[in-house]
Amino acid sequence: MSTTAAKPIRRILFPTDFSPAANAAFEYAERLAASTGAGLLVLHVPQDSATVGPLNNVDSKKRRQLQAVQSQLSEVDIERIFYAGSPGEVICWIAQEHRCDQIVLGTHGRTGLINLLMGSVAEYVVRHARCPVLTVPTRPRGEAPLKDPAIDFPPSLIQPL
């Protein structure tokens, strides 16, 4: 077990594509920011931009969507930015450049062939970010609970300690 203390969380990066998965993750980012006193940096990386870098000329719909990301908790300070580029790379780089202590992002739950062909932004961020990443999956309503773990050996071999 490590003897070093974990760094306090002072800034949280919340990347959003304005999807339901991102909205679900925002609730976690917001609560984490409120409980730690951290600021929240909300990032949108448009997928349709031909440039790389900070964006000042963003269409009004996207600008309104980013402005609409509001905390219901008064103690949470929010900063918003647009940045063009490959989403996974931009998220990791912005987290590093803005000295974020945590990234909170939603997962779309894509699996199989589509994930193989398109890749996963969340997976890229988990593998490459230089700070901890909290991924928030979306689950269908009414999803069955997990089954009990399978035991690979006879119960008679299990002895109390």
Protein backbone atom coordinates (compact mmCIF):
# COMPACT_ATOMS: atom_id res chain seq x y z
CA MET A 1 0.00 0.00 0.00
CA SER A 2 1.30 3.43 -0.93
CA THR A 3 2.44 5.77 1.80
CA THR A 4 1.91 8.92 -0.28
CA ALA A 5 -1.33 10.82 0.10
CA ALA A 6 -3.58 11.34 -2.90
CA LYS A 7 -3.52 14.83 -4.37
CA PRO A 8 -6.56 16.94 -3.61
CA ILE A 9 -8.98 17.39 -6.50
CA ARG A 10 -8.94 21.08 -7.47
CA ARG A 11 -10.05 20.97 -11.12
CA ILE A 12 -12.24 18.44 -12.92
CA LEU A 13 -12.47 18.15 -16.70
CA PHE A 14 -15.89 17.23 -18.04
CA PRO A 15 -15.82 16.61 -21.81
CA THR A 16 -19.26 16.61 -23.41
CA ASP A 17 -20.78 15.78 -26.76
CA PHE A 18 -24.21 16.80 -25.39
CA SER A 19 -25.44 13.20 -25.54
CA PRO A 20 -27.57 11.50 -22.86
CA ALA A 21 -24.44 9.61 -21.77
CA ALA A 22 -22.59 12.90 -21.24
CA ASN A 23 -25.57 14.35 -19.37
CA ALA A 24 -25.52 11.38 -16.99
CA ALA A 25 -21.80 11.85 -16.39
CA PHE A 26 -22.31 15.56 -15.66
CA GLU A 27 -24.30 14.68 -12.55
CA TYR A 28 -21.25 12.81 -11.21
CA ALA A 29 -18.84 15.57 -12.21
CA GLU A 30 -21.04 18.16 -10.54
CA ARG A 31 -21.34 16.21 -7.26
CA LEU A 32 -17.62 15.47 -7.22
CA ALA A 33 -16.82 19.14 -7.76
CA ALA A 34 -19.20 20.20 -5.00
CA SER A 35 -17.87 17.66 -2.50
CA THR A 36 -14.20 18.51 -3.14
CA GLY A 37 -14.51 22.24 -3.78
CA ALA A 38 -13.05 21.73 -7.26
CA GLY A 39 -13.72 23.87 -10.30
CA LEU A 40 -15.35 22.26 -13.31
CA LEU A 41 -13.90 22.73 -16.80
CA VAL A 42 -16.50 21.82 -19.44
CA LEU A 43 -15.01 20.96 -22.83
CA HIS A 44 -16.68 20.37 -26.18
CA VAL A 45 -14.66 19.02 -29.11
CA PRO A 46 -16.70 19.41 -32.32
CA GLN A 47 -16.26 16.44 -34.62
CA ASP A 48 -16.94 18.42 -37.77
CA SER A 49 -14.07 20.90 -37.56
CA ALA A 50 -11.26 20.84 -40.11
CA THR A 51 -8.90 22.74 -37.80
CA VAL A 52 -7.05 21.89 -34.61
CA GLY A 53 -6.91 24.29 -31.71
CA PRO A 54 -9.10 26.67 -29.72
CA LEU A 55 -12.34 27.64 -31.43
CA ASN A 56 -13.84 31.10 -31.26
CA ASN A 57 -16.15 30.82 -34.29
CA VAL A 58 -18.56 28.15 -33.08
CA ASP A 59 -22.06 27.85 -34.44
CA SER A 60 -24.69 29.40 -32.21
CA LYS A 61 -26.46 26.09 -31.51
CA LYS A 62 -23.28 24.49 -30.09
CA ARG A 63 -22.51 27.67 -28.13
CA ARG A 64 -26.01 27.60 -26.57
CA GLN A 65 -25.61 23.91 -25.76
CA LEU A 66 -22.33 24.54 -23.96
CA GLN A 67 -23.77 27.54 -22.08
CA ALA A 68 -26.70 25.33 -21.03
CA VAL A 69 -24.35 23.06 -19.08
CA GLN A 70 -25.16 24.63 -15.72
CA SER A 71 -24.63 23.36 -12.21
CA GLN A 72 -27.64 23.11 -9.95
CA LEU A 73 -25.20 23.58 -7.07
CA SER A 74 -24.21 27.18 -6.40
CA GLU A 75 -20.80 26.28 -5.02
CA VAL A 76 -19.58 24.79 -8.32
CA ASP A 77 -17.61 27.18 -10.56
CA ILE A 78 -17.81 26.31 -14.25
CA GLU A 79 -15.48 27.32 -17.08
CA ARG A 80 -16.37 26.36 -20.67
CA ILE A 81 -14.13 25.89 -23.71
CA PHE A 82 -14.35 24.70 -27.32
CA TYR A 83 -11.31 23.02 -28.84
CA ALA A 84 -11.02 21.33 -32.23
CA GLY A 85 -9.12 18.13 -32.94
CA SER A 86 -9.28 14.42 -32.31
CA PRO A 87 -11.56 14.11 -29.24
CA GLY A 88 -9.48 11.60 -27.24
CA GLU A 89 -6.22 13.44 -27.84
CA VAL A 90 -7.75 16.84 -27.13
CA ILE A 91 -9.36 15.67 -23.88
CA CYS A 92 -6.08 14.24 -22.57
CA TRP A 93 -4.09 17.30 -23.66
CA ILE A 94 -6.56 19.82 -22.21
CA ALA A 95 -6.56 17.90 -18.92
CA GLN A 96 -2.78 18.12 -18.83
CA GLU A 97 -2.52 21.77 -19.93
CA HIS A 98 -5.21 22.95 -17.51
CA ARG A 99 -3.77 20.84 -14.68
CA CYS A 100 -6.95 18.87 -14.14
CA ASP A 101 -6.85 16.38 -11.29
CA GLN A 102 -9.73 14.24 -12.58
CA ILE A 103 -11.63 13.61 -15.81
CA VAL A 104 -15.29 12.56 -15.66
CA LEU A 105 -16.87 11.35 -18.90
CA GLY A 106 -19.75 9.25 -20.08
CA THR A 107 -19.50 6.08 -22.08
CA HIS A 108 -21.88 5.27 -24.87
CA GLY A 109 -21.69 1.54 -24.29
CA ARG A 110 -20.76 0.74 -27.89
CA THR A 111 -19.44 -2.75 -28.28
CA GLY A 112 -18.50 -5.17 -30.99
CA LEU A 113 -17.80 -4.20 -34.58
CA ILE A 114 -18.77 -0.53 -34.29
CA ASN A 115 -16.30 -0.06 -31.40
CA LEU A 116 -13.60 -1.91 -33.35
CA LEU A 117 -14.10 0.24 -36.43
CA MET A 118 -14.70 3.63 -34.80
CA GLY A 119 -12.70 3.33 -31.62
CA SER A 120 -13.81 4.63 -28.28
CA VAL A 121 -13.05 8.11 -26.96
CA ALA A 122 -13.55 6.93 -23.37
CA GLU A 123 -11.17 4.01 -23.88
CA TYR A 124 -8.55 6.30 -25.41
CA VAL A 125 -8.84 8.72 -22.50
CA VAL A 126 -8.59 5.96 -19.89
CA ARG A 127 -5.41 4.64 -21.55
CA HIS A 128 -3.66 7.97 -22.20
CA ALA A 129 -4.77 10.54 -19.60
CA ARG A 130 -2.18 11.60 -17.06
CA CYS A 131 -4.77 11.95 -14.30
CA PRO A 132 -7.47 9.61 -12.94
CA VAL A 133 -10.53 9.08 -15.13
CA LEU A 134 -14.04 8.32 -13.92
CA THR A 135 -16.18 6.77 -16.64
CA VAL A 136 -19.94 6.78 -16.19
CA PRO A 137 -21.74 4.11 -18.21
CA THR A 138 -25.35 4.44 -19.27
CA ARG A 139 -27.55 1.49 -18.47
CA PRO A 140 -30.96 0.69 -19.93
CA ARG A 141 -33.93 1.09 -17.60
CA GLY A 142 -35.02 -2.18 -16.11
CA GLU A 143 -31.69 -3.87 -16.73
CA ALA A 144 -31.45 -7.14 -14.81
CA PRO A 145 -29.12 -7.21 -11.80
CA LEU A 146 -25.81 -9.02 -12.08
CA LYS A 147 -25.78 -12.74 -11.42
CA ASP A 148 -23.88 -14.21 -8.49
CA PRO A 149 -20.25 -14.96 -9.38
CA ALA A 150 -19.62 -18.49 -10.61
CA ILE A 151 -17.57 -20.72 -8.36
CA ASP A 152 -15.11 -22.96 -10.21
CA PHE A 153 -14.56 -25.46 -7.41
CA PRO A 154 -16.90 -27.51 -5.21
CA PRO A 155 -18.39 -25.63 -2.22
CA SER A 156 -17.14 -28.46 0.06
CA LEU A 157 -13.58 -27.18 -0.49
CA ILE A 158 -14.48 -23.76 0.91
CA GLN A 159 -13.43 -23.63 4.54
CA PRO A 160 -13.94 -20.76 6.99
CA LEU A 161 -10.79 -18.91 8.03
